[in-house]
């Protein structure tokens, strides 16, 4: 994911849901941030960089991944 896409997602989440990114694992996973629902504090999004090999691919490059959860 391009950096601008991650920024666009973050901006949309802030504007639409009022949630700020939280970096829960700054020492081990400094690129991972989560967003929580304001009422129940459950996560609804995660953005982070992972190695291609974690996806079963060759290479050591980092790729950005986003996971968005929805009730629908």
N, C-alpha and C. Protein backbone atom coordinates (compact mmCIF):
# COMPACT_ATOMS: atom_id res chain seq x y z
N UNK A 1 0.85 -1.17 0.00
CA UNK A 1 0.00 0.00 0.00
C UNK A 1 0.89 1.23 0.00
N UNK A 2 0.58 2.17 -0.83
CA UNK A 2 1.35 3.40 -0.86
C UNK A 2 1.09 4.19 0.41
N UNK A 3 2.10 4.96 0.78
CA UNK A 3 1.98 5.77 2.00
C UNK A 3 0.76 6.68 1.95
N UNK A 4 0.48 7.24 0.80
CA UNK A 4 -0.67 8.14 0.69
C UNK A 4 -1.98 7.40 0.94
N UNK A 5 -2.05 6.13 0.55
CA UNK A 5 -3.26 5.35 0.81
C UNK A 5 -3.46 5.15 2.31
N UNK A 6 -2.40 4.83 3.02
CA UNK A 6 -2.50 4.68 4.48
C UNK A 6 -2.91 6.00 5.12
N UNK A 7 -2.36 7.11 4.62
CA UNK A 7 -2.72 8.42 5.14
C UNK A 7 -4.18 8.74 4.84
N UNK A 8 -4.63 8.39 3.64
CA UNK A 8 -6.03 8.62 3.27
C UNK A 8 -6.98 7.82 4.16
N UNK A 9 -6.63 6.57 4.43
CA UNK A 9 -7.46 5.73 5.30
C UNK A 9 -7.50 6.33 6.71
N UNK A 10 -6.33 6.73 7.21
CA UNK A 10 -6.26 7.33 8.55
C UNK A 10 -7.09 8.61 8.62
N UNK A 11 -6.98 9.45 7.62
CA UNK A 11 -7.75 10.69 7.59
C UNK A 11 -9.24 10.40 7.55
N UNK A 12 -9.64 9.44 6.74
CA UNK A 12 -11.05 9.08 6.65
C UNK A 12 -11.58 8.58 8.00
N UNK A 13 -10.82 7.71 8.66
CA UNK A 13 -11.24 7.18 9.95
C UNK A 13 -11.36 8.31 10.98
N UNK A 14 -10.40 9.21 10.99
CA UNK A 14 -10.47 10.36 11.92
C UNK A 14 -11.71 11.21 11.66
N UNK A 15 -11.92 11.54 10.38
CA UNK A 15 -13.03 12.42 10.02
C UNK A 15 -14.39 11.76 10.22
N UNK A 16 -14.49 10.50 9.83
CA UNK A 16 -15.78 9.80 9.86
C UNK A 16 -16.14 9.26 11.23
N UNK A 17 -15.15 8.75 11.97
CA UNK A 17 -15.42 8.06 13.23
C UNK A 17 -14.80 8.73 14.45
N UNK A 18 -13.96 9.73 14.25
CA UNK A 18 -13.34 10.42 15.38
C UNK A 18 -12.32 9.58 16.13
N UNK A 19 -11.80 8.55 15.49
CA UNK A 19 -10.83 7.66 16.15
C UNK A 19 -9.41 8.06 15.76
N UNK A 20 -8.52 7.98 16.72
CA UNK A 20 -7.11 8.27 16.50
C UNK A 20 -6.32 6.96 16.48
N UNK A 21 -5.23 6.91 15.71
CA UNK A 21 -4.43 5.68 15.69
C UNK A 21 -3.75 5.45 17.04
N UNK A 22 -3.69 4.19 17.44
CA UNK A 22 -2.98 3.79 18.65
C UNK A 22 -1.87 2.83 18.25
N UNK A 23 -0.68 3.07 18.77
CA UNK A 23 0.47 2.21 18.49
C UNK A 23 0.71 1.35 19.74
N UNK A 24 0.16 0.15 19.73
CA UNK A 24 0.19 -0.71 20.92
C UNK A 24 1.51 -1.43 21.13
N UNK A 25 2.26 -1.64 20.07
CA UNK A 25 3.51 -2.41 20.15
C UNK A 25 4.65 -1.61 19.54
N UNK A 26 4.98 -0.44 20.09
CA UNK A 26 5.96 0.44 19.44
C UNK A 26 7.37 -0.13 19.32
N UNK A 27 7.76 -1.00 20.21
CA UNK A 27 9.12 -1.55 20.15
C UNK A 27 9.20 -2.72 19.17
N UNK A 28 8.22 -3.60 19.18
CA UNK A 28 8.28 -4.78 18.31
C UNK A 28 7.68 -4.51 16.93
N UNK A 29 6.58 -3.77 16.86
CA UNK A 29 5.90 -3.48 15.60
C UNK A 29 5.61 -1.98 15.50
N UNK A 30 6.65 -1.18 15.28
CA UNK A 30 6.46 0.27 15.28
C UNK A 30 5.59 0.81 14.14
N UNK A 31 5.37 0.01 13.10
CA UNK A 31 4.54 0.49 11.98
C UNK A 31 3.08 0.08 12.11
N UNK A 32 2.73 -0.66 13.15
CA UNK A 32 1.35 -1.12 13.32
C UNK A 32 0.56 -0.12 14.16
N UNK A 33 -0.59 0.26 13.64
CA UNK A 33 -1.49 1.07 14.46
C UNK A 33 -2.89 0.48 14.36
N UNK A 34 -3.66 0.67 15.40
CA UNK A 34 -5.04 0.19 15.42
C UNK A 34 -5.96 1.37 15.69
N UNK A 35 -7.21 1.18 15.34
CA UNK A 35 -8.25 2.16 15.63
C UNK A 35 -9.34 1.46 16.41
N UNK A 36 -9.87 2.12 17.42
CA UNK A 36 -10.90 1.54 18.28
C UNK A 36 -12.23 2.26 18.13
N UNK A 37 -13.29 1.49 18.31
CA UNK A 37 -14.64 2.05 18.37
C UNK A 37 -14.74 2.89 19.63
N UNK A 38 -15.32 4.08 19.53
CA UNK A 38 -15.40 4.98 20.68
C UNK A 38 -16.21 4.45 21.83
N UNK A 39 -17.26 3.67 21.56
CA UNK A 39 -18.13 3.19 22.62
C UNK A 39 -17.63 1.95 23.33
N UNK A 40 -17.37 0.90 22.55
CA UNK A 40 -17.01 -0.37 23.19
C UNK A 40 -15.51 -0.66 23.19
N UNK A 41 -14.72 0.22 22.59
CA UNK A 41 -13.26 0.13 22.56
C UNK A 41 -12.73 -1.07 21.79
N UNK A 42 -13.58 -1.77 21.02
CA UNK A 42 -13.10 -2.87 20.18
C UNK A 42 -12.39 -2.31 18.96
N UNK A 43 -11.40 -3.06 18.47
CA UNK A 43 -10.68 -2.63 17.28
C UNK A 43 -11.58 -2.76 16.07
N UNK A 44 -11.45 -1.82 15.14
CA UNK A 44 -12.15 -1.97 13.87
C UNK A 44 -11.20 -1.79 12.68
N UNK A 45 -9.95 -1.42 12.93
CA UNK A 45 -8.99 -1.29 11.83
C UNK A 45 -7.58 -1.47 12.35
N UNK A 46 -6.72 -2.02 11.49
CA UNK A 46 -5.30 -2.17 11.78
C UNK A 46 -4.55 -1.82 10.50
N UNK A 47 -3.50 -1.02 10.62
CA UNK A 47 -2.64 -0.69 9.50
C UNK A 47 -1.22 -1.01 9.94
N UNK A 48 -0.46 -1.71 9.09
CA UNK A 48 0.91 -2.03 9.43
C UNK A 48 1.68 -2.54 8.24
N UNK A 49 2.97 -2.67 8.41
CA UNK A 49 3.84 -3.22 7.37
C UNK A 49 4.26 -4.62 7.78
N UNK A 50 4.18 -5.53 6.84
CA UNK A 50 4.62 -6.90 7.09
C UNK A 50 5.53 -7.33 5.94
N UNK A 51 6.35 -8.34 6.19
CA UNK A 51 7.23 -8.86 5.15
C UNK A 51 6.44 -9.73 4.19
N UNK A 52 6.86 -9.71 2.94
CA UNK A 52 6.22 -10.55 1.92
C UNK A 52 6.19 -12.02 2.34
N UNK A 53 7.26 -12.49 3.00
CA UNK A 53 7.32 -13.91 3.37
C UNK A 53 6.18 -14.30 4.31
N UNK A 54 5.67 -13.34 5.08
CA UNK A 54 4.53 -13.61 5.95
C UNK A 54 3.26 -13.90 5.16
N UNK A 55 3.26 -13.47 3.89
CA UNK A 55 2.13 -13.72 3.00
C UNK A 55 2.38 -14.91 2.09
N UNK A 56 3.46 -15.66 2.37
CA UNK A 56 3.79 -16.82 1.56
C UNK A 56 4.48 -16.46 0.26
N UNK A 57 5.07 -15.28 0.20
CA UNK A 57 5.76 -14.81 -1.01
C UNK A 57 7.26 -14.74 -0.76
N UNK A 58 8.02 -14.75 -1.84
CA UNK A 58 9.47 -14.58 -1.73
C UNK A 58 9.81 -13.11 -1.56
N UNK A 59 10.86 -12.85 -0.83
CA UNK A 59 11.34 -11.49 -0.68
C UNK A 59 11.26 -11.00 0.75
N UNK A 60 12.03 -9.96 1.01
CA UNK A 60 12.08 -9.38 2.36
C UNK A 60 11.47 -7.99 2.39
N UNK A 61 10.92 -7.54 1.25
CA UNK A 61 10.34 -6.21 1.22
C UNK A 61 9.17 -6.13 2.19
N UNK A 62 8.95 -4.94 2.67
CA UNK A 62 7.80 -4.70 3.54
C UNK A 62 6.64 -4.20 2.69
N UNK A 63 5.45 -4.67 2.98
CA UNK A 63 4.25 -4.19 2.31
C UNK A 63 3.30 -3.68 3.38
N UNK A 64 2.55 -2.66 3.03
CA UNK A 64 1.54 -2.14 3.96
C UNK A 64 0.28 -2.97 3.83
N UNK A 65 -0.31 -3.31 4.94
CA UNK A 65 -1.57 -4.05 4.95
C UNK A 65 -2.55 -3.30 5.83
N UNK A 66 -3.79 -3.33 5.41
CA UNK A 66 -4.87 -2.73 6.20
C UNK A 66 -5.96 -3.77 6.40
N UNK A 67 -6.49 -3.83 7.57
CA UNK A 67 -7.61 -4.69 7.89
C UNK A 67 -8.71 -3.82 8.47
N UNK A 68 -9.82 -3.81 7.81
CA UNK A 68 -10.95 -3.03 8.28
C UNK A 68 -12.10 -3.98 8.60
N UNK A 69 -12.67 -3.85 9.76
CA UNK A 69 -13.78 -4.71 10.18
C UNK A 69 -15.08 -3.95 10.10
N UNK A 70 -16.13 -4.66 9.80
CA UNK A 70 -17.44 -4.03 9.72
C UNK A 70 -18.50 -4.97 10.28
N UNK A 71 -19.58 -4.41 10.75
CA UNK A 71 -20.68 -5.22 11.27
C UNK A 71 -21.55 -5.77 10.15
N UNK A 72 -21.44 -5.21 8.98
CA UNK A 72 -22.33 -5.58 7.88
C UNK A 72 -21.79 -6.72 7.06
